Amino acid sequence: MIVRAVPRPGQDTRLKTLAAELVEKSRQEPGVIRYEAMTERGGSVVMLAEYADDAAFEAHLGQPYTREFKAALKRIAEGSAATVTPLARFA
């Protein structure tokens, strides 16, 4: 999946810091194949996450640090959230 968050004005550094912390912790979870974070021009943060199965993803959503990240987005991200785009492997 691709997760994209656009920072509110002045919040780009805070968003990057929180995303880096989320990635670091998420990479330790069982069933996480890949978890990366990148930035786009303008300060948006894009995370690429791949899980072994739906159960691993659901477990990730239940982690305290994932819930804290989502709560922080309400204050620092445009639209008060990130957009999530599910992906499916085809090749």
PDB file of N, CA and C in Angstrom:
ATOM      1  N   MET A   1       0.836  -1.163   0.000  1.00  0.00           N
ATOM      2  CA  MET A   1       0.000   0.000   0.000  1.00  0.00           C
ATOM      3  C   MET A   1       0.885   1.232   0.000  1.00  0.00           C
ATOM      4  N   ILE A   2       0.286   2.316  -0.458  1.00  0.00           N
ATOM      5  CA  ILE A   2       0.951   3.606  -0.421  1.00  0.00           C
ATOM      6  C   ILE A   2       0.157   4.500   0.515  1.00  0.00           C
ATOM      7  N   VAL A   3       0.852   5.127   1.433  1.00  0.00           N
ATOM      8  CA  VAL A   3       0.239   6.057   2.375  1.00  0.00           C
ATOM      9  C   VAL A   3       0.876   7.420   2.114  1.00  0.00           C
ATOM     10  N   ARG A   4       0.050   8.429   1.917  1.00  0.00           N
ATOM     11  CA  ARG A   4       0.553   9.761   1.598  1.00  0.00           C
ATOM     12  C   ARG A   4      -0.078  10.774   2.531  1.00  0.00           C
ATOM     13  N   ALA A   5       0.786  11.601   3.169  1.00  0.00           N
ATOM     14  CA  ALA A   5       0.311  12.654   4.058  1.00  0.00           C
ATOM     15  C   ALA A   5       0.909  13.982   3.613  1.00  0.00           C
ATOM     16  N   VAL A   6       0.073  14.986   3.515  1.00  0.00           N
ATOM     17  CA  VAL A   6       0.494  16.329   3.128  1.00  0.00           C
ATOM     18  C   VAL A   6       0.503  17.188   4.388  1.00  0.00           C
ATOM     19  N   PRO A   7       1.653  17.771   4.722  1.00  0.00           N
ATOM     20  CA  PRO A   7       1.707  18.556   5.964  1.00  0.00           C
ATOM     21  C   PRO A   7       0.971  19.885   5.855  1.00  0.00           C
ATOM     22  N   ARG A   8       0.408  20.297   6.953  1.00  0.00           N
ATOM     23  CA  ARG A   8      -0.132  21.650   7.038  1.00  0.00           C
ATOM     24  C   ARG A   8       1.067  22.611   7.049  1.00  0.00           C
ATOM     25  N   PRO A   9       0.838  23.875   6.725  1.00  0.00           N
ATOM     26  CA  PRO A   9       1.950  24.828   6.720  1.00  0.00           C
ATOM     27  C   PRO A   9       2.737  24.801   8.034  1.00  0.00           C
ATOM     28  N   GLY A  10       4.051  24.696   7.897  1.00  0.00           N
ATOM     29  CA  GLY A  10       4.932  24.684   9.063  1.00  0.00           C
ATOM     30  C   GLY A  10       5.058  23.339   9.758  1.00  0.00           C
ATOM     31  N   GLN A  11       4.402  22.307   9.271  1.00  0.00           N
ATOM     32  CA  GLN A  11       4.399  21.004   9.937  1.00  0.00           C
ATOM     33  C   GLN A  11       5.220  19.939   9.208  1.00  0.00           C
ATOM     34  N   ASP A  12       5.953  20.319   8.158  1.00  0.00           N
ATOM     35  CA  ASP A  12       6.673  19.316   7.372  1.00  0.00           C
ATOM     36  C   ASP A  12       7.741  18.589   8.180  1.00  0.00           C
ATOM     37  N   THR A  13       8.488  19.307   9.010  1.00  0.00           N
ATOM     38  CA  THR A  13       9.523  18.647   9.810  1.00  0.00           C
ATOM     39  C   THR A  13       8.898  17.697  10.823  1.00  0.00           C
ATOM     40  N   ARG A  14       7.830  18.122  11.451  1.00  0.00           N
ATOM     41  CA  ARG A  14       7.146  17.262  12.438  1.00  0.00           C
ATOM     42  C   ARG A  14       6.598  16.009  11.759  1.00  0.00           C
ATOM     43  N   LEU A  15       6.015  16.162  10.586  1.00  0.00           N
ATOM     44  CA  LEU A  15       5.488  15.008   9.861  1.00  0.00           C
ATOM     45  C   LEU A  15       6.599  14.031   9.512  1.00  0.00           C
ATOM     46  N   LYS A  16       7.712  14.528   9.028  1.00  0.00           N
ATOM     47  CA  LYS A  16       8.842  13.654   8.689  1.00  0.00           C
ATOM     48  C   LYS A  16       9.357  12.912   9.917  1.00  0.00           C
ATOM     49  N   THR A  17       9.452  13.616  11.032  1.00  0.00           N
ATOM     50  CA  THR A  17       9.931  12.991  12.272  1.00  0.00           C
ATOM     51  C   THR A  17       9.000  11.872  12.715  1.00  0.00           C
ATOM     52  N   LEU A  18       7.701  12.148  12.731  1.00  0.00           N
ATOM     53  CA  LEU A  18       6.731  11.131  13.152  1.00  0.00           C
ATOM     54  C   LEU A  18       6.706   9.949  12.186  1.00  0.00           C
ATOM     55  N   ALA A  19       6.798  10.222  10.894  1.00  0.00           N
ATOM     56  CA  ALA A  19       6.810   9.135   9.911  1.00  0.00           C
ATOM     57  C   ALA A  19       8.059   8.274  10.077  1.00  0.00           C
ATOM     58  N   ALA A  20       9.203   8.887  10.310  1.00  0.00           N
ATOM     59  CA  ALA A  20      10.446   8.120  10.510  1.00  0.00           C
ATOM     60  C   ALA A  20      10.335   7.219  11.738  1.00  0.00           C
ATOM     61  N   GLU A  21       9.736   7.728  12.802  1.00  0.00           N
ATOM     62  CA  GLU A  21       9.541   6.915  14.011  1.00  0.00           C
ATOM     63  C   GLU A  21       8.597   5.753  13.725  1.00  0.00           C
ATOM     64  N   LEU A  22       7.525   6.013  12.990  1.00  0.00           N
ATOM     65  CA  LEU A  22       6.572   4.960  12.645  1.00  0.00           C
ATOM     66  C   LEU A  22       7.241   3.875  11.808  1.00  0.00           C
ATOM     67  N   VAL A  23       8.014   4.278  10.827  1.00  0.00           N
ATOM     68  CA  VAL A  23       8.702   3.311   9.966  1.00  0.00           C
ATOM     69  C   VAL A  23       9.651   2.450  10.782  1.00  0.00           C
ATOM     70  N   GLU A  24      10.435   3.074  11.630  1.00  0.00           N
ATOM     71  CA  GLU A  24      11.415   2.344  12.451  1.00  0.00           C
ATOM     72  C   GLU A  24      10.729   1.259  13.285  1.00  0.00           C
ATOM     73  N   LYS A  25       9.645   1.613  13.939  1.00  0.00           N
ATOM     74  CA  LYS A  25       8.925   0.653  14.785  1.00  0.00           C
ATOM     75  C   LYS A  25       8.188  -0.388  13.946  1.00  0.00           C
ATOM     76  N   SER A  26       7.587   0.038  12.853  1.00  0.00           N
ATOM     77  CA  SER A  26       6.805  -0.871  12.017  1.00  0.00           C
ATOM     78  C   SER A  26       7.660  -1.952  11.381  1.00  0.00           C
ATOM     79  N   ARG A  27       8.888  -1.619  11.050  1.00  0.00           N
ATOM     80  CA  ARG A  27       9.785  -2.605  10.429  1.00  0.00           C
ATOM     81  C   ARG A  27      10.068  -3.797  11.340  1.00  0.00           C
ATOM     82  N   GLN A  28       9.846  -3.635  12.628  1.00  0.00           N
ATOM     83  CA  GLN A  28      10.098  -4.713  13.591  1.00  0.00           C
ATOM     84  C   GLN A  28       8.917  -5.660  13.750  1.00  0.00           C
ATOM     85  N   GLU A  29       7.782  -5.320  13.173  1.00  0.00           N
ATOM     86  CA  GLU A  29       6.574  -6.132  13.347  1.00  0.00           C
ATOM     87  C   GLU A  29       6.655  -7.428  12.541  1.00  0.00           C
ATOM     88  N   PRO A  30       6.138  -8.525  13.107  1.00  0.00           N
ATOM     89  CA  PRO A  30       6.041  -9.755  12.323  1.00  0.00           C
ATOM     90  C   PRO A  30       5.113  -9.537  11.130  1.00  0.00           C
ATOM     91  N   GLY A  31       5.475 -10.080  10.003  1.00  0.00           N
ATOM     92  CA  GLY A  31       4.627  -9.990   8.823  1.00  0.00           C
ATOM     93  C   GLY A  31       4.835  -8.750   7.984  1.00  0.00           C
ATOM     94  N   VAL A  32       5.729  -7.860   8.407  1.00  0.00           N
ATOM     95  CA  VAL A  32       6.041  -6.681   7.598  1.00  0.00           C
ATOM     96  C   VAL A  32       7.172  -7.059   6.653  1.00  0.00           C
ATOM     97  N   ILE A  33       6.892  -6.986   5.377  1.00  0.00           N
ATOM     98  CA  ILE A  33       7.900  -7.302   4.362  1.00  0.00           C
ATOM     99  C   ILE A  33       8.726  -6.064   4.057  1.00  0.00           C
ATOM    100  N   ARG A  34       8.050  -4.932   3.954  1.00  0.00           N
ATOM    101  CA  ARG A  34       8.746  -3.685   3.611  1.00  0.00           C
ATOM    102  C   ARG A  34       7.961  -2.513   4.189  1.00  0.00           C
ATOM    103  N   TYR A  35       8.703  -1.520   4.668  1.00  0.00           N
ATOM    104  CA  TYR A  35       8.104  -0.285   5.161  1.00  0.00           C
ATOM    105  C   TYR A  35       9.120   0.818   4.932  1.00  0.00           C
ATOM    106  N   GLU A  36       8.833   1.711   4.017  1.00  0.00           N
ATOM    107  CA  GLU A  36       9.764   2.767   3.642  1.00  0.00           C
ATOM    108  C   GLU A  36       9.053   4.111   3.659  1.00  0.00           C
ATOM    109  N   ALA A  37       9.819   5.169   3.844  1.00  0.00           N
ATOM    110  CA  ALA A  37       9.259   6.515   3.798  1.00  0.00           C
ATOM    111  C   ALA A  37      10.116   7.379   2.880  1.00  0.00           C
ATOM    112  N   MET A  38       9.436   8.205   2.112  1.00  0.00           N
ATOM    113  CA  MET A  38      10.096   9.130   1.197  1.00  0.00           C
ATOM    114  C   MET A  38       9.372  10.469   1.276  1.00  0.00           C
ATOM    115  N   THR A  39      10.000  11.506   0.754  1.00  0.00           N
ATOM    116  CA  THR A  39       9.334  12.798   0.688  1.00  0.00           C
ATOM    117  C   THR A  39       9.154  13.210  -0.762  1.00  0.00           C
ATOM    118  N   GLU A  40       8.121  13.999  -0.972  1.00  0.00           N
ATOM    119  CA  GLU A  40       7.857  14.588  -2.277  1.00  0.00           C
ATOM    120  C   GLU A  40       8.190  16.073  -2.204  1.00  0.00           C
ATOM    121  N   ARG A  41       8.340  16.664  -3.347  1.00  0.00           N
ATOM    122  CA  ARG A  41       8.519  18.106  -3.398  1.00  0.00           C
ATOM    123  C   ARG A  41       7.323  18.746  -2.698  1.00  0.00           C
ATOM    124  N   GLY A  42       7.589  19.717  -1.864  1.00  0.00           N
ATOM    125  CA  GLY A  42       6.510  20.361  -1.116  1.00  0.00           C
ATOM    126  C   GLY A  42       6.363  19.827   0.296  1.00  0.00           C
ATOM    127  N   GLY A  43       7.097  18.755   0.629  1.00  0.00           N
ATOM    128  CA  GLY A  43       7.083  18.255   2.004  1.00  0.00           C
ATOM    129  C   GLY A  43       6.160  17.101   2.302  1.00  0.00           C
ATOM    130  N   SER A  44       5.403  16.635   1.330  1.00  0.00           N
ATOM    131  CA  SER A  44       4.542  15.473   1.582  1.00  0.00           C
ATOM    132  C   SER A  44       5.385  14.248   1.894  1.00  0.00           C
ATOM    133  N   VAL A  45       4.846  13.394   2.721  1.00  0.00           N
ATOM    134  CA  VAL A  45       5.505  12.146   3.077  1.00  0.00           C
ATOM    135  C   VAL A  45       4.738  10.999   2.416  1.00  0.00           C
ATOM    136  N   VAL A  46       5.480  10.125   1.777  1.00  0.00           N
ATOM    137  CA  VAL A  46       4.900   8.953   1.134  1.00  0.00           C
ATOM    138  C   VAL A  46       5.542   7.723   1.759  1.00  0.00           C
ATOM    139  N   MET A  47       4.709   6.811   2.239  1.00  0.00           N
ATOM    140  CA  MET A  47       5.211   5.569   2.815  1.00  0.00           C
ATOM    141  C   MET A  47       4.736   4.399   1.965  1.00  0.00           C
ATOM    142  N   LEU A  48       5.625   3.476   1.744  1.00  0.00           N
ATOM    143  CA  LEU A  48       5.323   2.265   0.994  1.00  0.00           C
ATOM    144  C   LEU A  48       5.405   1.108   1.979  1.00  0.00           C
ATOM    145  N   ALA A  49       4.297   0.413   2.150  1.00  0.00           N
ATOM    146  CA  ALA A  49       4.233  -0.679   3.121  1.00  0.00           C
ATOM    147  C   ALA A  49       3.761  -1.949   2.434  1.00  0.00           C
ATOM    148  N   GLU A  50       4.415  -3.046   2.777  1.00  0.00           N
ATOM    149  CA  GLU A  50       4.023  -4.354   2.248  1.00  0.00           C
ATOM    150  C   GLU A  50       3.969  -5.337   3.416  1.00  0.00           C
ATOM    151  N   TYR A  51       2.870  -6.053   3.489  1.00  0.00           N
ATOM    152  CA  TYR A  51       2.636  -7.008   4.572  1.00  0.00           C
ATOM    153  C   TYR A  51       2.498  -8.412   4.005  1.00  0.00           C
ATOM    154  N   ALA A  52       2.826  -9.398   4.797  1.00  0.00           N
ATOM    155  CA  ALA A  52       2.725 -10.794   4.373  1.00  0.00           C
ATOM    156  C   ALA A  52       1.267 -11.192   4.126  1.00  0.00           C
ATOM    157  N   ASP A  53       0.350 -10.593   4.903  1.00  0.00           N
ATOM    158  CA  ASP A  53      -1.066 -10.933   4.765  1.00  0.00           C
ATOM    159  C   ASP A  53      -1.917  -9.880   5.472  1.00  0.00           C
ATOM    160  N   ASP A  54      -3.220 -10.034   5.356  1.00  0.00           N
ATOM    161  CA  ASP A  54      -4.142  -9.080   5.978  1.00  0.00           C
ATOM    162  C   ASP A  54      -4.012  -9.061   7.498  1.00  0.00           C
ATOM    163  N   ALA A  55      -3.711 -10.207   8.083  1.00  0.00           N
ATOM    164  CA  ALA A  55      -3.571 -10.273   9.536  1.00  0.00           C
ATOM    165  C   ALA A  55      -2.408  -9.406  10.013  1.00  0.00           C
ATOM    166  N   ALA A  56      -1.316  -9.396   9.272  1.00  0.00           N
ATOM    167  CA  ALA A  56      -0.162  -8.564   9.635  1.00  0.00           C
ATOM    168  C   ALA A  56      -0.528  -7.082   9.552  1.00  0.00           C
ATOM    169  N   PHE A  57      -1.288  -6.721   8.532  1.00  0.00           N
ATOM    170  CA  PHE A  57      -1.732  -5.332   8.400  1.00  0.00           C
ATOM    171  C   PHE A  57      -2.664  -4.949   9.550  1.00  0.00           C
ATOM    172  N   GLU A  58      -3.604  -5.805   9.866  1.00  0.00           N
ATOM    173  CA  GLU A  58      -4.531  -5.526  10.972  1.00  0.00           C
ATOM    174  C   GLU A  58      -3.772  -5.389  12.295  1.00  0.00           C
ATOM    175  N   ALA A  59      -2.761  -6.228  12.493  1.00  0.00           N
ATOM    176  CA  ALA A  59      -1.945  -6.128  13.706  1.00  0.00           C
ATOM    177  C   ALA A  59      -1.221  -4.778  13.746  1.00  0.00           C
ATOM    178  N   HIS A  60      -0.736  -4.340  12.597  1.00  0.00           N
ATOM    179  CA  HIS A  60      -0.058  -3.041  12.515  1.00  0.00           C
ATOM    180  C   HIS A  60      -1.007  -1.912  12.929  1.00  0.00           C
ATOM    181  N   LEU A  61      -2.234  -1.962  12.440  1.00  0.00           N
ATOM    182  CA  LEU A  61      -3.204  -0.917  12.775  1.00  0.00           C
ATOM    183  C   LEU A  61      -3.493  -0.854  14.268  1.00  0.00           C
ATOM    184  N   GLY A  62      -3.355  -1.974  14.960  1.00  0.00           N
ATOM    185  CA  GLY A  62      -3.634  -2.019  16.389  1.00  0.00           C
ATOM    186  C   GLY A  62      -2.486  -1.588  17.277  1.00  0.00           C
ATOM    187  N   GLN A  63      -1.329  -1.351  16.704  1.00  0.00           N
ATOM    188  CA  GLN A  63      -0.172  -0.961  17.508  1.00  0.00           C
ATOM    189  C   GLN A  63      -0.361   0.451  18.075  1.00  0.00           C
ATOM    190  N   PRO A  64       0.087   0.676  19.305  1.00  0.00           N
ATOM    191  CA  PRO A  64      -0.063   2.011  19.903  1.00  0.00           C
ATOM    192  C   PRO A  64       0.605   3.107  19.074  1.00  0.00           C
ATOM    193  N   TYR A  65       1.773   2.846  18.532  1.00  0.00           N
ATOM    194  CA  TYR A  65       2.472   3.873  17.751  1.00  0.00           C
ATOM    195  C   TYR A  65       1.764   4.171  16.437  1.00  0.00           C
ATOM    196  N   THR A  66       1.056   3.209  15.882  1.00  0.00           N
ATOM    197  CA  THR A  66       0.278   3.470  14.671  1.00  0.00           C
ATOM    198  C   THR A  66      -0.919   4.352  15.015  1.00  0.00           C
ATOM    199  N   ARG A  67      -1.582   4.039  16.103  1.00  0.00           N
ATOM    200  CA  ARG A  67      -2.715   4.858  16.539  1.00  0.00           C
ATOM    201  C   ARG A  67      -2.267   6.273  16.890  1.00  0.00           C
ATOM    202  N   GLU A  68      -1.093   6.411  17.519  1.00  0.00           N
ATOM    203  CA  GLU A  68      -0.562   7.733  17.870  1.00  0.00           C
ATOM    204  C   GLU A  68      -0.235   8.537  16.606  1.00  0.00           C
ATOM    205  N   PHE A  69       0.318   7.873  15.595  1.00  0.00           N
ATOM    206  CA  PHE A  69       0.630   8.553  14.332  1.00  0.00           C
ATOM    207  C   PHE A  69      -0.653   9.070  13.689  1.00  0.00           C
ATOM    208  N   LYS A  70      -1.656   8.220  13.629  1.00  0.00           N
ATOM    209  CA  LYS A  70      -2.935   8.625  13.036  1.00  0.00           C
ATOM    210  C   LYS A  70      -3.553   9.794  13.806  1.00  0.00           C
ATOM    211  N   ALA A  71      -3.456   9.771  15.126  1.00  0.00           N
ATOM    212  CA  ALA A  71      -3.992  10.864  15.938  1.00  0.00           C
ATOM    213  C   ALA A  71      -3.226  12.156  15.675  1.00  0.00           C
ATOM    214  N   ALA A  72      -1.921  12.075  15.526  1.00  0.00           N
ATOM    215  CA  ALA A  72      -1.111  13.266  15.251  1.00  0.00           C
ATOM    216  C   ALA A  72      -1.455  13.870  13.899  1.00  0.00           C
ATOM    217  N   LEU A  73      -1.806  13.042  12.940  1.00  0.00           N
ATOM    218  CA  LEU A  73      -2.164  13.548  11.615  1.00  0.00           C
ATOM    219  C   LEU A  73      -3.353  14.501  11.680  1.00  0.00           C
ATOM    220  N   LYS A  74      -4.223  14.322  12.659  1.00  0.00           N
ATOM    221  CA  LYS A  74      -5.379  15.210  12.789  1.00  0.00           C
ATOM    222  C   LYS A  74      -4.941  16.657  13.006  1.00  0.00           C
ATOM    223  N   ARG A  75      -3.758  16.827  13.619  1.00  0.00           N
ATOM    224  CA  ARG A  75      -3.252  18.173  13.904  1.00  0.00           C
ATOM    225  C   ARG A  75      -2.275  18.680  12.852  1.00  0.00           C
ATOM    226  N   ILE A  76      -1.537  17.793  12.204  1.00  0.00           N
ATOM    227  CA  ILE A  76      -0.427  18.259  11.368  1.00  0.00           C
ATOM    228  C   ILE A  76      -0.591  18.008   9.870  1.00  0.00           C
ATOM    229  N   ALA A  77      -1.602  17.243   9.466  1.00  0.00           N
ATOM    230  CA  ALA A  77      -1.764  16.911   8.043  1.00  0.00           C
ATOM    231  C   ALA A  77      -2.973  17.602   7.439  1.00  0.00           C
ATOM    232  N   GLU A  78      -2.826  18.000   6.189  1.00  0.00           N
ATOM    233  CA  GLU A  78      -3.969  18.530   5.439  1.00  0.00           C
ATOM    234  C   GLU A  78      -5.059  17.455   5.413  1.00  0.00           C
ATOM    235  N   GLY A  79      -6.283  17.856   5.601  1.00  0.00           N
ATOM    236  CA  GLY A  79      -7.383  16.905   5.615  1.00  0.00           C
ATOM    237  C   GLY A  79      -7.436  16.056   6.874  1.00  0.00           C
ATOM    238  N   SER A  80      -6.531  16.333   7.827  1.00  0.00           N
ATOM    239  CA  SER A  80      -6.474  15.644   9.124  1.00  0.00           C
ATOM    240  C   SER A  80      -6.209  14.154   9.033  1.00  0.00           C
ATOM    241  N   ALA A  81      -5.681  13.691   7.906  1.00  0.00           N
ATOM    242  CA  ALA A  81      -5.411  12.261   7.751  1.00  0.00           C
ATOM    243  C   ALA A  81      -4.477  12.051   6.564  1.00  0.00           C
ATOM    244  N   ALA A  82      -4.109  10.816   6.367  1.00  0.00           N
ATOM    245  CA  ALA A  82      -3.330  10.412   5.200  1.00  0.00           C
ATOM    246  C   ALA A  82      -4.258   9.697   4.230  1.00  0.00           C
ATOM    247  N   THR A  83      -3.878   9.684   2.970  1.00  0.00           N
ATOM    248  CA  THR A  83      -4.611   8.878   2.007  1.00  0.00           C
ATOM    249  C   THR A  83      -3.917   7.535   1.893  1.00  0.00           C
ATOM    250  N   VAL A  84      -4.691   6.483   1.798  1.00  0.00           N
ATOM    251  CA  VAL A  84      -4.155   5.122   1.702  1.00  0.00           C
ATOM    252  C   VAL A  84      -4.628   4.534   0.387  1.00  0.00           C
ATOM    253  N   THR A  85      -3.664   4.053  -0.384  1.00  0.00           N
ATOM    254  CA  THR A  85      -3.975   3.422  -1.670  1.00  0.00           C
ATOM    255  C   THR A  85      -3.526   1.963  -1.604  1.00  0.00           C
ATOM    256  N   PRO A  86      -4.457   1.027  -1.584  1.00  0.00           N
ATOM    257  CA  PRO A  86      -4.075  -0.386  -1.588  1.00  0.00           C
ATOM    258  C   PRO A  86      -3.430  -0.762  -2.929  1.00  0.00           C
ATOM    259  N   LEU A  87      -2.486  -1.633  -2.863  1.00  0.00           N
ATOM    260  CA  LEU A  87      -1.806  -2.140  -4.062  1.00  0.00           C
ATOM    261  C   LEU A  87      -1.912  -3.651  -4.101  1.00  0.00           C
ATOM    262  N   ALA A  88      -1.857  -4.208  -5.293  1.00  0.00           N
ATOM    263  CA  ALA A  88      -1.866  -5.668  -5.452  1.00  0.00           C
ATOM    264  C   ALA A  88      -0.740  -6.052  -6.410  1.00  0.00           C
ATOM    265  N   ARG A  89       0.007  -7.045  -6.015  1.00  0.00           N
ATOM    266  CA  ARG A  89       1.095  -7.538  -6.854  1.00  0.00           C
ATOM    267  C   ARG A  89       0.511  -8.249  -8.056  1.00  0.00           C
ATOM    268  N   PHE A  90       1.049  -7.998  -9.242  1.00  0.00           N
ATOM    269  CA  PHE A  90       0.561  -8.673 -10.431  1.00  0.00           C
ATOM    270  C   PHE A  90       1.671  -9.336 -11.221  1.00  0.00           C
ATOM    271  N   ALA A  91       2.906  -9.071 -10.893  1.00  0.00           N
ATOM    272  CA  ALA A  91       4.020  -9.723 -11.605  1.00  0.00           C
ATOM    273  C   ALA A  91       5.151 -10.009 -10.651  1.00  0.00           C
TER     274      ALA A  91
END
